[in-house]
Amino acid sequence: MTIAQMSHFYALCQSGSYTQAAKQLYITQPALSKTIKKLEHELGINLFDIRTTGVQLTDYGQMLYQRAVPLIAEFDSLANFVADIQAKPV
C-alpha cells in the first residue's frame, strides 16, 4: 500500500464518483479504477460497492477510510512543512 493509493482511495471516498475523483486527481478514470482494484487486491477485500448513483464504501472500506483520514492529513501537513522550508532563503 502506498501513499498514492491512499490518496486515490481518499479522493474517491470524498467524491463518491470515479469520474469526479479522477478529475480532482488530474488522472484518467481508468487509471484511478486500476489503482483502486490493485489496492483491493493487495488487501484482499472490496472497499467499494458500485451503484448507479456512484460508489459506496463497504464496511471494510469505511474502516480503512477512518484510518486514512488522519494519515492523509499528516502527509499533507508534512508536504506543507517541506514546502515552507524550501521557500525560506538560506
N, C-alpha and C. Protein backbone atom coordinates (compact mmCIF):
# COMPACT_ATOMS: atom_id res chain seq x y z
N MET A 1 0.85 -1.16 0.00
CA MET A 1 0.00 0.00 0.00
C MET A 1 0.91 1.24 0.00
N THR A 2 0.58 2.18 -0.89
CA THR A 2 1.38 3.39 -1.00
C THR A 2 0.55 4.61 -0.61
N ILE A 3 1.24 5.72 -0.36
CA ILE A 3 0.52 6.95 -0.05
C ILE A 3 -0.29 7.41 -1.27
N ALA A 4 0.20 7.14 -2.46
CA ALA A 4 -0.55 7.50 -3.68
C ALA A 4 -1.86 6.70 -3.73
N GLN A 5 -1.80 5.42 -3.44
CA GLN A 5 -3.02 4.62 -3.42
C GLN A 5 -3.99 5.14 -2.37
N MET A 6 -3.46 5.50 -1.20
CA MET A 6 -4.32 6.02 -0.14
C MET A 6 -4.93 7.36 -0.53
N SER A 7 -4.16 8.19 -1.22
CA SER A 7 -4.69 9.47 -1.69
C SER A 7 -5.80 9.27 -2.71
N HIS A 8 -5.63 8.30 -3.58
CA HIS A 8 -6.66 7.99 -4.57
C HIS A 8 -7.90 7.42 -3.88
N PHE A 9 -7.69 6.54 -2.94
CA PHE A 9 -8.80 5.98 -2.16
C PHE A 9 -9.55 7.11 -1.46
N TYR A 10 -8.83 8.01 -0.82
CA TYR A 10 -9.43 9.13 -0.09
C TYR A 10 -10.24 10.03 -1.02
N ALA A 11 -9.68 10.35 -2.18
CA ALA A 11 -10.38 11.20 -3.15
C ALA A 11 -11.67 10.54 -3.63
N LEU A 12 -11.63 9.24 -3.85
CA LEU A 12 -12.82 8.52 -4.28
C LEU A 12 -13.87 8.50 -3.17
N CYS A 13 -13.43 8.33 -1.95
CA CYS A 13 -14.36 8.37 -0.81
C CYS A 13 -15.03 9.74 -0.73
N GLN A 14 -14.25 10.78 -0.88
CA GLN A 14 -14.75 12.14 -0.74
C GLN A 14 -15.75 12.50 -1.86
N SER A 15 -15.45 12.08 -3.07
CA SER A 15 -16.30 12.47 -4.20
C SER A 15 -17.46 11.51 -4.44
N GLY A 16 -17.26 10.23 -4.12
CA GLY A 16 -18.31 9.24 -4.37
C GLY A 16 -18.47 8.88 -5.83
N SER A 17 -17.50 9.31 -6.65
CA SER A 17 -17.58 9.08 -8.09
C SER A 17 -16.18 8.91 -8.67
N TYR A 18 -16.00 7.87 -9.45
CA TYR A 18 -14.71 7.67 -10.10
C TYR A 18 -14.38 8.85 -11.02
N THR A 19 -15.38 9.31 -11.75
CA THR A 19 -15.15 10.42 -12.69
C THR A 19 -14.72 11.67 -11.96
N GLN A 20 -15.44 12.04 -10.91
CA GLN A 20 -15.10 13.26 -10.17
C GLN A 20 -13.75 13.12 -9.45
N ALA A 21 -13.49 11.99 -8.86
CA ALA A 21 -12.21 11.78 -8.17
C ALA A 21 -11.05 11.86 -9.16
N ALA A 22 -11.22 11.26 -10.33
CA ALA A 22 -10.17 11.30 -11.34
C ALA A 22 -9.89 12.74 -11.76
N LYS A 23 -10.94 13.54 -11.92
CA LYS A 23 -10.75 14.95 -12.28
C LYS A 23 -9.99 15.69 -11.18
N GLN A 24 -10.33 15.44 -9.94
CA GLN A 24 -9.63 16.09 -8.81
C GLN A 24 -8.15 15.71 -8.78
N LEU A 25 -7.87 14.47 -9.11
CA LEU A 25 -6.50 13.96 -9.05
C LEU A 25 -5.71 14.23 -10.34
N TYR A 26 -6.39 14.75 -11.37
CA TYR A 26 -5.76 15.01 -12.67
C TYR A 26 -5.21 13.73 -13.30
N ILE A 27 -6.01 12.67 -13.18
CA ILE A 27 -5.67 11.39 -13.82
C ILE A 27 -6.91 10.92 -14.58
N THR A 28 -6.75 9.87 -15.36
CA THR A 28 -7.89 9.33 -16.08
C THR A 28 -8.70 8.42 -15.17
N GLN A 29 -9.96 8.25 -15.52
CA GLN A 29 -10.82 7.36 -14.73
C GLN A 29 -10.31 5.92 -14.77
N PRO A 30 -9.86 5.40 -15.93
CA PRO A 30 -9.32 4.04 -15.92
C PRO A 30 -8.07 3.90 -15.03
N ALA A 31 -7.24 4.93 -14.96
CA ALA A 31 -6.06 4.87 -14.09
C ALA A 31 -6.48 4.80 -12.62
N LEU A 32 -7.49 5.57 -12.26
CA LEU A 32 -7.99 5.53 -10.88
C LEU A 32 -8.59 4.16 -10.58
N SER A 33 -9.38 3.66 -11.49
CA SER A 33 -10.00 2.35 -11.31
C SER A 33 -8.94 1.27 -11.12
N LYS A 34 -7.88 1.34 -11.91
CA LYS A 34 -6.79 0.36 -11.81
C LYS A 34 -6.11 0.46 -10.44
N THR A 35 -5.88 1.67 -9.96
CA THR A 35 -5.24 1.86 -8.65
C THR A 35 -6.10 1.27 -7.54
N ILE A 36 -7.40 1.53 -7.59
CA ILE A 36 -8.31 1.03 -6.56
C ILE A 36 -8.38 -0.49 -6.61
N LYS A 37 -8.47 -1.05 -7.81
CA LYS A 37 -8.51 -2.51 -7.94
C LYS A 37 -7.23 -3.15 -7.41
N LYS A 38 -6.09 -2.52 -7.68
CA LYS A 38 -4.82 -3.03 -7.17
C LYS A 38 -4.78 -2.97 -5.65
N LEU A 39 -5.26 -1.88 -5.08
CA LEU A 39 -5.32 -1.76 -3.62
C LEU A 39 -6.22 -2.82 -3.02
N GLU A 40 -7.40 -3.01 -3.62
CA GLU A 40 -8.32 -4.04 -3.13
C GLU A 40 -7.69 -5.43 -3.23
N HIS A 41 -6.98 -5.67 -4.31
CA HIS A 41 -6.31 -6.97 -4.49
C HIS A 41 -5.24 -7.17 -3.42
N GLU A 42 -4.42 -6.13 -3.17
CA GLU A 42 -3.38 -6.23 -2.15
C GLU A 42 -3.96 -6.49 -0.77
N LEU A 43 -5.08 -5.85 -0.47
CA LEU A 43 -5.70 -6.01 0.84
C LEU A 43 -6.57 -7.26 0.93
N GLY A 44 -6.99 -7.76 -0.21
CA GLY A 44 -7.84 -8.95 -0.23
C GLY A 44 -9.28 -8.68 0.18
N ILE A 45 -9.72 -7.42 0.01
CA ILE A 45 -11.09 -7.04 0.38
C ILE A 45 -11.65 -6.06 -0.65
N ASN A 46 -12.97 -6.02 -0.74
CA ASN A 46 -13.63 -5.00 -1.55
C ASN A 46 -13.82 -3.77 -0.69
N LEU A 47 -13.44 -2.62 -1.22
CA LEU A 47 -13.56 -1.37 -0.48
C LEU A 47 -14.81 -0.59 -0.84
N PHE A 48 -15.32 -0.82 -2.05
CA PHE A 48 -16.47 -0.06 -2.55
C PHE A 48 -17.52 -0.98 -3.15
N ASP A 49 -18.77 -0.57 -3.01
CA ASP A 49 -19.88 -1.14 -3.77
C ASP A 49 -20.19 -0.13 -4.87
N ILE A 50 -20.23 -0.60 -6.10
CA ILE A 50 -20.51 0.30 -7.21
C ILE A 50 -22.01 0.27 -7.48
N ARG A 51 -22.60 1.45 -7.50
CA ARG A 51 -24.04 1.59 -7.72
C ARG A 51 -24.28 2.55 -8.86
N THR A 52 -25.50 2.60 -9.34
CA THR A 52 -25.82 3.52 -10.44
C THR A 52 -25.67 4.98 -10.01
N THR A 53 -25.78 5.24 -8.72
CA THR A 53 -25.67 6.61 -8.21
C THR A 53 -24.25 6.97 -7.82
N GLY A 54 -23.31 6.06 -7.95
CA GLY A 54 -21.92 6.30 -7.58
C GLY A 54 -21.36 5.12 -6.81
N VAL A 55 -20.36 5.39 -6.01
CA VAL A 55 -19.76 4.33 -5.22
C VAL A 55 -20.08 4.55 -3.75
N GLN A 56 -20.15 3.44 -3.04
CA GLN A 56 -20.40 3.49 -1.60
C GLN A 56 -19.39 2.58 -0.92
N LEU A 57 -18.86 3.04 0.20
CA LEU A 57 -17.90 2.23 0.95
C LEU A 57 -18.54 0.98 1.52
N THR A 58 -17.79 -0.11 1.47
CA THR A 58 -18.20 -1.32 2.18
C THR A 58 -17.85 -1.10 3.66
N ASP A 59 -18.21 -2.03 4.50
CA ASP A 59 -17.85 -1.92 5.91
C ASP A 59 -16.33 -1.85 6.08
N TYR A 60 -15.61 -2.69 5.34
CA TYR A 60 -14.15 -2.67 5.40
C TYR A 60 -13.61 -1.35 4.84
N GLY A 61 -14.23 -0.87 3.78
CA GLY A 61 -13.83 0.41 3.20
C GLY A 61 -14.01 1.54 4.20
N GLN A 62 -15.10 1.51 4.94
CA GLN A 62 -15.35 2.54 5.95
C GLN A 62 -14.29 2.50 7.05
N MET A 63 -13.92 1.31 7.47
CA MET A 63 -12.88 1.18 8.50
C MET A 63 -11.54 1.72 7.98
N LEU A 64 -11.21 1.40 6.73
CA LEU A 64 -9.96 1.89 6.16
C LEU A 64 -10.01 3.41 6.01
N TYR A 65 -11.16 3.94 5.60
CA TYR A 65 -11.31 5.39 5.45
C TYR A 65 -11.06 6.10 6.79
N GLN A 66 -11.60 5.57 7.86
CA GLN A 66 -11.42 6.19 9.18
C GLN A 66 -9.94 6.24 9.56
N ARG A 67 -9.18 5.25 9.15
CA ARG A 67 -7.74 5.23 9.43
C ARG A 67 -6.98 6.12 8.44
N ALA A 68 -7.50 6.25 7.22
CA ALA A 68 -6.80 7.00 6.18
C ALA A 68 -6.90 8.51 6.39
N VAL A 69 -8.01 8.99 6.96
CA VAL A 69 -8.21 10.44 7.12
C VAL A 69 -7.05 11.09 7.89
N PRO A 70 -6.70 10.60 9.08
CA PRO A 70 -5.57 11.25 9.77
C PRO A 70 -4.23 11.03 9.06
N LEU A 71 -4.09 9.91 8.38
CA LEU A 71 -2.87 9.65 7.63
C LEU A 71 -2.69 10.67 6.51
N ILE A 72 -3.73 10.91 5.75
CA ILE A 72 -3.68 11.88 4.65
C ILE A 72 -3.45 13.28 5.20
N ALA A 73 -4.10 13.62 6.30
CA ALA A 73 -3.91 14.94 6.92
C ALA A 73 -2.46 15.12 7.35
N GLU A 74 -1.88 14.10 7.96
CA GLU A 74 -0.49 14.18 8.40
C GLU A 74 0.46 14.29 7.21
N PHE A 75 0.18 13.55 6.16
CA PHE A 75 1.02 13.62 4.97
C PHE A 75 0.95 15.01 4.34
N ASP A 76 -0.26 15.58 4.26
CA ASP A 76 -0.42 16.93 3.72
C ASP A 76 0.33 17.94 4.57
N SER A 77 0.27 17.77 5.89
CA SER A 77 0.99 18.65 6.81
C SER A 77 2.50 18.55 6.57
N LEU A 78 2.98 17.36 6.37
CA LEU A 78 4.40 17.16 6.10
C LEU A 78 4.80 17.82 4.78
N ALA A 79 3.99 17.67 3.77
CA ALA A 79 4.27 18.28 2.47
C ALA A 79 4.31 19.81 2.60
N ASN A 80 3.38 20.38 3.37
CA ASN A 80 3.36 21.83 3.59
C ASN A 80 4.60 22.27 4.36
N PHE A 81 5.00 21.50 5.34
CA PHE A 81 6.20 21.81 6.11
C PHE A 81 7.44 21.86 5.21
N VAL A 82 7.57 20.87 4.35
CA VAL A 82 8.71 20.82 3.43
C VAL A 82 8.65 22.00 2.48
N ALA A 83 7.48 22.33 1.97
CA ALA A 83 7.34 23.47 1.07
C ALA A 83 7.74 24.77 1.77
N ASP A 84 7.36 24.92 3.02
CA ASP A 84 7.73 26.11 3.78
C ASP A 84 9.24 26.21 3.96
N ILE A 85 9.87 25.09 4.25
CA ILE A 85 11.33 25.08 4.41
C ILE A 85 12.01 25.46 3.10
N GLN A 86 11.51 24.91 2.01
CA GLN A 86 12.12 25.19 0.71
C GLN A 86 11.92 26.64 0.30
N ALA A 87 10.86 27.28 0.76
CA ALA A 87 10.56 28.66 0.39
C ALA A 87 11.41 29.68 1.15
N LYS A 88 11.96 29.28 2.28
CA LYS A 88 12.78 30.20 3.08
C LYS A 88 14.17 30.34 2.47
N PRO A 89 14.64 31.58 2.40
CA PRO A 89 16.01 31.76 1.86
C PRO A 89 17.05 31.24 2.84
N VAL A 90 18.13 30.77 2.31
CA VAL A 90 19.20 30.21 3.14
C VAL A 90 20.18 31.26 3.53
